[in-house]
PDB file of N, CA and C in Angstrom:
ATOM      1  N   MET A   1     -17.128   0.936  -4.373  1.00  0.00           N
ATOM      2  CA  MET A   1     -15.958   0.159  -3.842  1.00  0.00           C
ATOM      3  C   MET A   1     -15.200   1.240  -3.014  1.00  0.00           C
ATOM      4  N   ALA A   2     -14.535   2.113  -3.824  1.00  0.00           N
ATOM      5  CA  ALA A   2     -13.656   2.936  -3.487  1.00  0.00           C
ATOM      6  C   ALA A   2     -14.263   4.256  -2.760  1.00  0.00           C
ATOM      7  N   ASP A   3     -15.725   4.223  -2.941  1.00  0.00           N
ATOM      8  CA  ASP A   3     -16.586   5.503  -1.978  1.00  0.00           C
ATOM      9  C   ASP A   3     -16.143   5.694  -0.760  1.00  0.00           C
ATOM     10  N   GLY A   4     -16.126   6.900  -0.597  1.00  0.00           N
ATOM     11  CA  GLY A   4     -15.845   7.254   1.021  1.00  0.00           C
ATOM     12  C   GLY A   4     -14.501   6.831   1.595  1.00  0.00           C
ATOM     13  N   LEU A   5     -13.476   6.790   0.474  1.00  0.00           N
ATOM     14  CA  LEU A   5     -12.014   6.473   1.057  1.00  0.00           C
ATOM     15  C   LEU A   5     -11.532   8.060   1.880  1.00  0.00           C
ATOM     16  N   ASN A   6     -11.036   7.827   2.888  1.00  0.00           N
ATOM     17  CA  ASN A   6     -10.560   9.386   3.704  1.00  0.00           C
ATOM     18  C   ASN A   6      -9.224   8.744   4.626  1.00  0.00           C
ATOM     19  N   ALA A   7      -8.784   9.756   5.068  1.00  0.00           N
ATOM     20  CA  ALA A   7      -7.527   9.391   5.848  1.00  0.00           C
ATOM     21  C   ALA A   7      -7.418   8.461   6.612  1.00  0.00           C
ATOM     22  N   SER A   8      -8.793   8.176   7.472  1.00  0.00           N
ATOM     23  CA  SER A   8      -8.883   6.778   8.378  1.00  0.00           C
ATOM     24  C   SER A   8      -9.213   5.734   7.701  1.00  0.00           C
ATOM     25  N   THR A   9      -9.327   5.456   6.713  1.00  0.00           N
ATOM     26  CA  THR A   9      -9.273   4.282   5.871  1.00  0.00           C
ATOM     27  C   THR A   9      -8.098   3.298   5.713  1.00  0.00           C
ATOM     28  N   ILE A  10      -8.511   1.814   6.381  1.00  0.00           N
ATOM     29  CA  ILE A  10      -7.009   1.263   6.443  1.00  0.00           C
ATOM     30  C   ILE A  10      -7.302   0.635   5.239  1.00  0.00           C
ATOM     31  N   VAL A  11      -6.221   0.535   4.199  1.00  0.00           N
ATOM     32  CA  VAL A  11      -6.187  -0.169   3.158  1.00  0.00           C
ATOM     33  C   VAL A  11      -4.655  -1.091   3.133  1.00  0.00           C
ATOM     34  N   ALA A  12      -4.617  -2.227   2.125  1.00  0.00           N
ATOM     35  CA  ALA A  12      -3.475  -3.081   2.054  1.00  0.00           C
ATOM     36  C   ALA A  12      -3.467  -3.500   0.778  1.00  0.00           C
ATOM     37  N   ARG A  13      -2.273  -4.046   0.596  1.00  0.00           N
ATOM     38  CA  ARG A  13      -2.460  -4.885  -1.161  1.00  0.00           C
ATOM     39  C   ARG A  13      -2.938  -6.003  -1.146  1.00  0.00           C
ATOM     40  N   THR A  14      -3.900  -6.206  -2.099  1.00  0.00           N
ATOM     41  CA  THR A  14      -4.680  -7.584  -2.302  1.00  0.00           C
ATOM     42  C   THR A  14      -3.537  -8.924  -2.068  1.00  0.00           C
ATOM     43  N   PRO A  15      -3.842  -9.896  -1.426  1.00  0.00           N
ATOM     44  CA  PRO A  15      -3.130 -10.661  -1.206  1.00  0.00           C
ATOM     45  C   PRO A  15      -3.026 -11.871  -2.413  1.00  0.00           C
ATOM     46  N   GLY A  16      -1.870 -12.085  -2.795  1.00  0.00           N
ATOM     47  CA  GLY A  16      -1.532 -13.164  -3.592  1.00  0.00           C
ATOM     48  C   GLY A  16      -1.094 -12.693  -4.860  1.00  0.00           C
ATOM     49  N   LEU A  17      -0.596 -11.219  -4.995  1.00  0.00           N
ATOM     50  CA  LEU A  17      -0.164 -10.742  -5.927  1.00  0.00           C
ATOM     51  C   LEU A  17       1.328 -10.917  -6.467  1.00  0.00           C
ATOM     52  N   ILE A  18       1.790 -10.547  -7.690  1.00  0.00           N
ATOM     53  CA  ILE A  18       3.236 -10.779  -8.063  1.00  0.00           C
ATOM     54  C   ILE A  18       3.685  -9.409  -8.169  1.00  0.00           C
ATOM     55  N   GLU A  19       4.969  -9.164  -7.834  1.00  0.00           N
ATOM     56  CA  GLU A  19       5.506  -7.882  -7.978  1.00  0.00           C
ATOM     57  C   GLU A  19       6.855  -8.029  -8.295  1.00  0.00           C
ATOM     58  N   SER A  20       7.128  -6.875  -9.033  1.00  0.00           N
ATOM     59  CA  SER A  20       8.829  -6.863  -9.373  1.00  0.00           C
ATOM     60  C   SER A  20       9.111  -5.385  -9.419  1.00  0.00           C
ATOM     61  N   ALA A  21      10.431  -5.029  -8.933  1.00  0.00           N
ATOM     62  CA  ALA A  21      10.790  -3.734  -8.713  1.00  0.00           C
ATOM     63  C   ALA A  21      11.903  -3.677  -9.838  1.00  0.00           C
ATOM     64  N   ILE A  22      11.977  -2.628 -10.526  1.00  0.00           N
ATOM     65  CA  ILE A  22      12.935  -2.449 -11.569  1.00  0.00           C
ATOM     66  C   ILE A  22      13.158  -0.761 -11.564  1.00  0.00           C
ATOM     67  N   ASP A  23      14.395  -0.706 -10.891  1.00  0.00           N
ATOM     68  CA  ASP A  23      14.893   0.775 -10.810  1.00  0.00           C
ATOM     69  C   ASP A  23      14.087   1.140  -9.364  1.00  0.00           C
ATOM     70  N   ASP A  24      13.656   1.998  -9.934  1.00  0.00           N
ATOM     71  CA  ASP A  24      12.856   2.718  -8.630  1.00  0.00           C
ATOM     72  C   ASP A  24      11.418   2.762  -8.998  1.00  0.00           C
ATOM     73  N   GLU A  25      11.030   1.829  -9.841  1.00  0.00           N
ATOM     74  CA  GLU A  25       9.645   1.703  -9.941  1.00  0.00           C
ATOM     75  C   GLU A  25       9.044   0.062  -9.568  1.00  0.00           C
ATOM     76  N   VAL A  26       7.803   0.069  -9.356  1.00  0.00           N
ATOM     77  CA  VAL A  26       7.322  -1.623  -9.434  1.00  0.00           C
ATOM     78  C   VAL A  26       6.082  -1.743 -10.251  1.00  0.00           C
ATOM     79  N   VAL A  27       6.491  -3.202 -10.724  1.00  0.00           N
ATOM     80  CA  VAL A  27       5.335  -3.550 -11.611  1.00  0.00           C
ATOM     81  C   VAL A  27       4.439  -4.683 -10.607  1.00  0.00           C
ATOM     82  N   ALA A  28       3.180  -4.643 -10.773  1.00  0.00           N
ATOM     83  CA  ALA A  28       2.174  -5.433  -9.601  1.00  0.00           C
ATOM     84  C   ALA A  28       1.411  -6.252 -11.005  1.00  0.00           C
ATOM     85  N   LEU A  29       1.061  -7.353 -10.317  1.00  0.00           N
ATOM     86  CA  LEU A  29       0.370  -8.419 -11.291  1.00  0.00           C
ATOM     87  C   LEU A  29      -0.946  -9.022 -10.294  1.00  0.00           C
ATOM     88  N   ASN A  30      -1.839  -9.061 -10.777  1.00  0.00           N
ATOM     89  CA  ASN A  30      -2.872  -9.769 -10.097  1.00  0.00           C
ATOM     90  C   ASN A  30      -3.270 -10.884 -11.514  1.00  0.00           C
ATOM     91  N   ILE A  31      -2.691 -12.143 -10.773  1.00  0.00           N
ATOM     92  CA  ILE A  31      -2.895 -13.471 -11.538  1.00  0.00           C
ATOM     93  C   ILE A  31      -4.101 -13.813 -11.930  1.00  0.00           C
ATOM     94  N   GLU A  32      -4.766 -13.388 -10.662  1.00  0.00           N
ATOM     95  CA  GLU A  32      -6.282 -13.919 -11.208  1.00  0.00           C
ATOM     96  C   GLU A  32      -7.236 -13.195 -12.182  1.00  0.00           C
ATOM     97  N   THR A  33      -6.598 -11.831 -12.219  1.00  0.00           N
ATOM     98  CA  THR A  33      -7.393 -11.056 -13.077  1.00  0.00           C
ATOM     99  C   THR A  33      -6.815 -10.686 -14.242  1.00  0.00           C
ATOM    100  N   GLY A  34      -5.343 -11.090 -14.156  1.00  0.00           N
ATOM    101  CA  GLY A  34      -4.441 -10.853 -15.215  1.00  0.00           C
ATOM    102  C   GLY A  34      -4.075  -9.021 -15.521  1.00  0.00           C
ATOM    103  N   THR A  35      -4.523  -8.299 -14.342  1.00  0.00           N
ATOM    104  CA  THR A  35      -4.161  -6.556 -14.141  1.00  0.00           C
ATOM    105  C   THR A  35      -2.724  -6.737 -13.882  1.00  0.00           C
ATOM    106  N   CYS A  36      -2.026  -5.962 -14.644  1.00  0.00           N
ATOM    107  CA  CYS A  36      -0.587  -5.475 -14.374  1.00  0.00           C
ATOM    108  C   CYS A  36      -0.674  -3.968 -14.451  1.00  0.00           C
ATOM    109  N   TYR A  37       0.199  -3.382 -13.146  1.00  0.00           N
ATOM    110  CA  TYR A  37       0.330  -1.947 -13.160  1.00  0.00           C
ATOM    111  C   TYR A  37       1.332  -1.727 -12.741  1.00  0.00           C
ATOM    112  N   GLY A  38       1.764  -0.777 -13.441  1.00  0.00           N
ATOM    113  CA  GLY A  38       3.049   0.047 -13.277  1.00  0.00           C
ATOM    114  C   GLY A  38       3.195   1.399 -12.141  1.00  0.00           C
ATOM    115  N   LEU A  39       4.195   1.201 -11.353  1.00  0.00           N
ATOM    116  CA  LEU A  39       3.957   2.495 -10.386  1.00  0.00           C
ATOM    117  C   LEU A  39       5.333   2.954 -10.535  1.00  0.00           C
ATOM    118  N   ASN A  40       5.351   4.679 -10.514  1.00  0.00           N
ATOM    119  CA  ASN A  40       6.676   5.217 -10.699  1.00  0.00           C
ATOM    120  C   ASN A  40       7.125   5.262  -9.362  1.00  0.00           C
ATOM    121  N   ALA A  41       8.226   5.869  -9.054  1.00  0.00           N
ATOM    122  CA  ALA A  41       9.026   5.931  -7.646  1.00  0.00           C
ATOM    123  C   ALA A  41       7.831   6.415  -6.602  1.00  0.00           C
ATOM    124  N   THR A  42       7.229   7.331  -6.860  1.00  0.00           N
ATOM    125  CA  THR A  42       6.553   7.593  -5.668  1.00  0.00           C
ATOM    126  C   THR A  42       5.195   6.469  -5.621  1.00  0.00           C
ATOM    127  N   GLY A  43       4.725   6.404  -6.630  1.00  0.00           N
ATOM    128  CA  GLY A  43       3.847   5.116  -6.495  1.00  0.00           C
ATOM    129  C   GLY A  43       4.340   3.845  -6.039  1.00  0.00           C
ATOM    130  N   SER A  44       5.645   3.434  -6.059  1.00  0.00           N
ATOM    131  CA  SER A  44       6.358   2.417  -5.476  1.00  0.00           C
ATOM    132  C   SER A  44       6.404   2.821  -4.041  1.00  0.00           C
ATOM    133  N   ARG A  45       6.882   3.767  -3.604  1.00  0.00           N
ATOM    134  CA  ARG A  45       6.913   3.906  -2.321  1.00  0.00           C
ATOM    135  C   ARG A  45       5.564   3.974  -1.506  1.00  0.00           C
ATOM    136  N   ILE A  46       4.471   4.243  -2.210  1.00  0.00           N
ATOM    137  CA  ILE A  46       3.178   4.001  -1.420  1.00  0.00           C
ATOM    138  C   ILE A  46       3.017   2.313  -1.368  1.00  0.00           C
ATOM    139  N   TRP A  47       3.535   1.929  -2.686  1.00  0.00           N
ATOM    140  CA  TRP A  47       3.189   0.155  -2.385  1.00  0.00           C
ATOM    141  C   TRP A  47       4.038  -0.634  -1.431  1.00  0.00           C
ATOM    142  N   THR A  48       5.300   0.150  -1.333  1.00  0.00           N
ATOM    143  CA  THR A  48       5.869  -0.432  -0.288  1.00  0.00           C
ATOM    144  C   THR A  48       5.035  -0.349   1.297  1.00  0.00           C
ATOM    145  N   LEU A  49       4.488   0.999   1.408  1.00  0.00           N
ATOM    146  CA  LEU A  49       3.982   1.268   2.639  1.00  0.00           C
ATOM    147  C   LEU A  49       2.704   0.502   2.611  1.00  0.00           C
ATOM    148  N   LEU A  50       2.248  -0.275   1.521  1.00  0.00           N
ATOM    149  CA  LEU A  50       0.864  -0.904   1.554  1.00  0.00           C
ATOM    150  C   LEU A  50       1.167  -2.373   1.966  1.00  0.00           C
ATOM    151  N   ALA A  51       2.298  -2.758   2.254  1.00  0.00           N
ATOM    152  CA  ALA A  51       2.741  -4.380   2.654  1.00  0.00           C
ATOM    153  C   ALA A  51       1.637  -4.878   3.732  1.00  0.00           C
ATOM    154  N   ASN A  52       1.534  -3.844   4.715  1.00  0.00           N
ATOM    155  CA  ASN A  52       0.695  -4.324   5.824  1.00  0.00           C
ATOM    156  C   ASN A  52      -0.338  -3.306   5.758  1.00  0.00           C
ATOM    157  N   PRO A  53      -1.552  -3.733   6.498  1.00  0.00           N
ATOM    158  CA  PRO A  53      -2.871  -2.995   6.441  1.00  0.00           C
ATOM    159  C   PRO A  53      -2.173  -1.410   7.128  1.00  0.00           C
ATOM    160  N   VAL A  54      -2.498  -0.378   6.764  1.00  0.00           N
ATOM    161  CA  VAL A  54      -2.223   0.814   7.029  1.00  0.00           C
ATOM    162  C   VAL A  54      -3.256   2.068   6.836  1.00  0.00           C
ATOM    163  N   ARG A  55      -3.297   3.026   7.487  1.00  0.00           N
ATOM    164  CA  ARG A  55      -4.161   3.832   7.574  1.00  0.00           C
ATOM    165  C   ARG A  55      -3.619   4.762   6.504  1.00  0.00           C
ATOM    166  N   ILE A  56      -4.468   5.684   5.337  1.00  0.00           N
ATOM    167  CA  ILE A  56      -4.191   6.499   4.651  1.00  0.00           C
ATOM    168  C   ILE A  56      -3.455   7.629   5.289  1.00  0.00           C
ATOM    169  N   SER A  57      -3.868   8.073   6.363  1.00  0.00           N
ATOM    170  CA  SER A  57      -3.135   9.089   7.012  1.00  0.00           C
ATOM    171  C   SER A  57      -1.765   8.702   7.394  1.00  0.00           C
ATOM    172  N   GLU A  58      -1.484   7.411   7.373  1.00  0.00           N
ATOM    173  CA  GLU A  58      -0.027   7.105   7.931  1.00  0.00           C
ATOM    174  C   GLU A  58       0.914   7.403   6.717  1.00  0.00           C
ATOM    175  N   ILE A  59       0.307   6.725   5.337  1.00  0.00           N
ATOM    176  CA  ILE A  59       0.976   6.811   4.149  1.00  0.00           C
ATOM    177  C   ILE A  59       1.462   8.095   3.962  1.00  0.00           C
ATOM    178  N   CYS A  60       0.205   9.172   4.088  1.00  0.00           N
ATOM    179  CA  CYS A  60       0.377  10.529   3.664  1.00  0.00           C
ATOM    180  C   CYS A  60       1.800  11.053   4.866  1.00  0.00           C
ATOM    181  N   SER A  61       1.714  10.658   6.238  1.00  0.00           N
ATOM    182  CA  SER A  61       2.821  11.239   7.039  1.00  0.00           C
ATOM    183  C   SER A  61       3.981  10.936   6.621  1.00  0.00           C
ATOM    184  N   ALA A  62       4.015   9.586   5.976  1.00  0.00           N
ATOM    185  CA  ALA A  62       5.537   9.166   5.639  1.00  0.00           C
ATOM    186  C   ALA A  62       5.743  10.004   4.238  1.00  0.00           C
ATOM    187  N   LEU A  63       4.856  10.248   3.350  1.00  0.00           N
ATOM    188  CA  LEU A  63       5.343  10.905   2.103  1.00  0.00           C
ATOM    189  C   LEU A  63       5.328  12.619   2.498  1.00  0.00           C
ATOM    190  N   ILE A  64       4.657  12.945   3.268  1.00  0.00           N
ATOM    191  CA  ILE A  64       5.329  14.305   3.492  1.00  0.00           C
ATOM    192  C   ILE A  64       6.681  14.699   4.363  1.00  0.00           C
ATOM    193  N   ASP A  65       6.944  13.627   5.458  1.00  0.00           N
ATOM    194  CA  ASP A  65       8.357  13.745   5.411  1.00  0.00           C
ATOM    195  C   ASP A  65       9.059  13.590   4.541  1.00  0.00           C
ATOM    196  N   GLU A  66       8.978  12.533   3.647  1.00  0.00           N
ATOM    197  CA  GLU A  66      10.025  12.000   2.730  1.00  0.00           C
ATOM    198  C   GLU A  66      10.122  13.304   1.518  1.00  0.00           C
ATOM    199  N   TYR A  67       8.980  13.735   1.083  1.00  0.00           N
ATOM    200  CA  TYR A  67       9.030  14.353  -0.341  1.00  0.00           C
ATOM    201  C   TYR A  67       8.928  15.995  -0.007  1.00  0.00           C
ATOM    202  N   HIS A  68       8.345  16.204   1.206  1.00  0.00           N
ATOM    203  CA  HIS A  68       8.244  17.648   1.664  1.00  0.00           C
ATOM    204  C   HIS A  68       6.953  18.102   0.813  1.00  0.00           C
ATOM    205  N   VAL A  69       5.965  17.439   1.028  1.00  0.00           N
ATOM    206  CA  VAL A  69       4.733  17.865   0.106  1.00  0.00           C
ATOM    207  C   VAL A  69       3.753  18.557   0.709  1.00  0.00           C
ATOM    208  N   ASP A  70       2.844  19.059   0.429  1.00  0.00           N
ATOM    209  CA  ASP A  70       1.526  19.866   1.431  1.00  0.00           C
ATOM    210  C   ASP A  70       0.797  18.687   1.580  1.00  0.00           C
ATOM    211  N   ALA A  71       0.119  18.492   2.920  1.00  0.00           N
ATOM    212  CA  ALA A  71      -1.019  17.487   3.468  1.00  0.00           C
ATOM    213  C   ALA A  71      -1.744  17.499   2.459  1.00  0.00           C
ATOM    214  N   THR A  72      -2.738  18.310   2.400  1.00  0.00           N
ATOM    215  CA  THR A  72      -3.784  18.465   1.523  1.00  0.00           C
ATOM    216  C   THR A  72      -3.631  17.963   0.043  1.00  0.00           C
ATOM    217  N   THR A  73      -2.698  18.115  -0.495  1.00  0.00           N
ATOM    218  CA  THR A  73      -2.257  17.669  -2.056  1.00  0.00           C
ATOM    219  C   THR A  73      -1.815  16.314  -1.800  1.00  0.00           C
ATOM    220  N   CYS A  74      -1.092  15.799  -0.712  1.00  0.00           N
ATOM    221  CA  CYS A  74      -0.713  14.656  -0.545  1.00  0.00           C
ATOM    222  C   CYS A  74      -1.803  13.546  -0.511  1.00  0.00           C
ATOM    223  N   GLU A  75      -3.026  13.981   0.238  1.00  0.00           N
ATOM    224  CA  GLU A  75      -3.984  13.238   0.657  1.00  0.00           C
ATOM    225  C   GLU A  75      -4.688  12.946  -0.392  1.00  0.00           C
ATOM    226  N   ALA A  76      -4.888  13.915  -1.408  1.00  0.00           N
ATOM    227  CA  ALA A  76      -5.769  13.758  -2.349  1.00  0.00           C
ATOM    228  C   ALA A  76      -5.032  12.979  -3.534  1.00  0.00           C
ATOM    229  N   ASP A  77      -4.095  13.027  -3.612  1.00  0.00           N
ATOM    230  CA  ASP A  77      -3.145  12.401  -4.420  1.00  0.00           C
ATOM    231  C   ASP A  77      -3.264  10.750  -4.146  1.00  0.00           C
ATOM    232  N   VAL A  78      -2.625  10.652  -2.793  1.00  0.00           N
ATOM    233  CA  VAL A  78      -2.715   9.227  -2.201  1.00  0.00           C
ATOM    234  C   VAL A  78      -3.825   8.379  -2.500  1.00  0.00           C
ATOM    235  N   ILE A  79      -5.028   9.245  -2.178  1.00  0.00           N
ATOM    236  CA  ILE A  79      -6.433   8.892  -2.375  1.00  0.00           C
ATOM    237  C   ILE A  79      -6.629   8.482  -3.592  1.00  0.00           C
ATOM    238  N   ASP A  80      -6.319   9.236  -4.650  1.00  0.00           N
ATOM    239  CA  ASP A  80      -6.719   8.940  -6.060  1.00  0.00           C
ATOM    240  C   ASP A  80      -5.945   7.380  -6.750  1.00  0.00           C
ATOM    241  N   LEU A  81      -4.520   7.547  -6.321  1.00  0.00           N
ATOM    242  CA  LEU A  81      -3.728   6.245  -6.644  1.00  0.00           C
ATOM    243  C   LEU A  81      -4.541   5.068  -6.182  1.00  0.00           C
ATOM    244  N   ILE A  82      -4.945   5.310  -4.899  1.00  0.00           N
ATOM    245  CA  ILE A  82      -5.405   4.078  -4.232  1.00  0.00           C
ATOM    246  C   ILE A  82      -6.731   3.539  -4.597  1.00  0.00           C
ATOM    247  N   GLU A  83      -7.546   4.652  -4.853  1.00  0.00           N
ATOM    248  CA  GLU A  83      -8.878   4.294  -5.818  1.00  0.00           C
ATOM    249  C   GLU A  83      -8.475   3.470  -7.180  1.00  0.00           C
ATOM    250  N   HIS A  84      -7.715   4.270  -7.641  1.00  0.00           N
ATOM    251  CA  HIS A  84      -7.228   3.403  -8.833  1.00  0.00           C
ATOM    252  C   HIS A  84      -6.537   2.079  -8.563  1.00  0.00           C
ATOM    253  N   LEU A  85      -5.918   2.006  -7.631  1.00  0.00           N
ATOM    254  CA  LEU A  85      -5.541   0.377  -7.402  1.00  0.00           C
ATOM    255  C   LEU A  85      -6.504  -0.293  -6.694  1.00  0.00           C
ATOM    256  N   ILE A  86      -7.818   0.237  -6.284  1.00  0.00           N
ATOM    257  CA  ILE A  86      -8.493  -0.695  -5.604  1.00  0.00           C
ATOM    258  C   ILE A  86      -9.576  -0.914  -7.441  1.00  0.00           C
ATOM    259  N   GLU A  87      -9.769  -0.078  -7.942  1.00  0.00           N
ATOM    260  CA  GLU A  87     -10.268  -0.662  -9.259  1.00  0.00           C
ATOM    261  C   GLU A  87      -9.764  -1.607 -10.220  1.00  0.00           C
ATOM    262  N   GLU A  88      -8.132  -1.498  -9.823  1.00  0.00           N
ATOM    263  CA  GLU A  88      -7.457  -2.845 -10.676  1.00  0.00           C
ATOM    264  C   GLU A  88      -7.282  -4.204 -10.069  1.00  0.00           C
ATOM    265  N   ASN A  89      -8.181  -4.023  -8.692  1.00  0.00           N
ATOM    266  CA  ASN A  89      -7.834  -5.386  -7.932  1.00  0.00           C
ATOM    267  C   ASN A  89      -6.528  -5.538  -7.144  1.00  0.00           C
ATOM    268  N   LEU A  90      -6.010  -4.503  -7.061  1.00  0.00           N
ATOM    269  CA  LEU A  90      -4.667  -4.565  -6.412  1.00  0.00           C
ATOM    270  C   LEU A  90      -4.722  -4.188  -5.068  1.00  0.00           C
ATOM    271  N   VAL A  91      -5.565  -3.367  -4.557  1.00  0.00           N
ATOM    272  CA  VAL A  91      -5.395  -3.091  -3.159  1.00  0.00           C
ATOM    273  C   VAL A  91      -7.174  -3.375  -2.457  1.00  0.00           C
ATOM    274  N   VAL A  92      -7.068  -3.605  -1.296  1.00  0.00           N
ATOM    275  CA  VAL A  92      -8.421  -3.670  -0.983  1.00  0.00           C
ATOM    276  C   VAL A  92      -8.684  -2.746   0.455  1.00  0.00           C
ATOM    277  N   VAL A  93      -9.786  -2.342   0.655  1.00  0.00           N
ATOM    278  CA  VAL A  93      -9.981  -1.575   1.869  1.00  0.00           C
ATOM    279  C   VAL A  93     -10.125  -2.649   3.091  1.00  0.00           C
ATOM    280  N   ALA A  94      -9.321  -2.406   4.217  1.00  0.00           N
ATOM    281  CA  ALA A  94      -9.241  -3.386   5.283  1.00  0.00           C
ATOM    282  C   ALA A  94     -10.139  -3.162   6.245  1.00  0.00           C
ATOM    283  N   SER A  95     -10.530  -1.620   6.749  1.00  0.00           N
ATOM    284  CA  SER A  95     -11.363  -1.176   7.295  1.00  0.00           C
ATOM    285  C   SER A  95     -11.732   0.157   7.235  1.00  0.00           C
ATOM    286  N   ARG A  96     -12.873   0.745   7.186  1.00  0.00           N
ATOM    287  CA  ARG A  96     -13.126   2.135   7.311  1.00  0.00           C
ATOM    288  C   ARG A  96     -13.827   2.415   8.654  1.00  0.00           C
ATOM    289  N   GLU A  97     -13.203   3.784   8.923  1.00  0.00           N
ATOM    290  CA  GLU A  97     -13.743   4.439  10.065  1.00  0.00           C
ATOM    291  C   GLU A  97     -14.225   5.632  10.008  1.00  0.00           C
TER     292      GLU A  97
END
């Protein structure tokens, strides 16, 4: 399912989710599966960037600028989170290149 994610993979939120912002955090609920997932401030920023289909590299570019994080670390952490969100049916792969 999440095999082969890389910087050029295009991902987006799964359609039909319910979400709620609480302070700097987001809770997302997939009502079809009953999956509820809480995201910290950084995860919530990534969630915001997933509102429309987006390349993982574009997510990383935004985070590198905002958080001044190392590009390699950022990409690994973003891919790790997106893999978890895919496993929880909260994110889908829109395209692989």
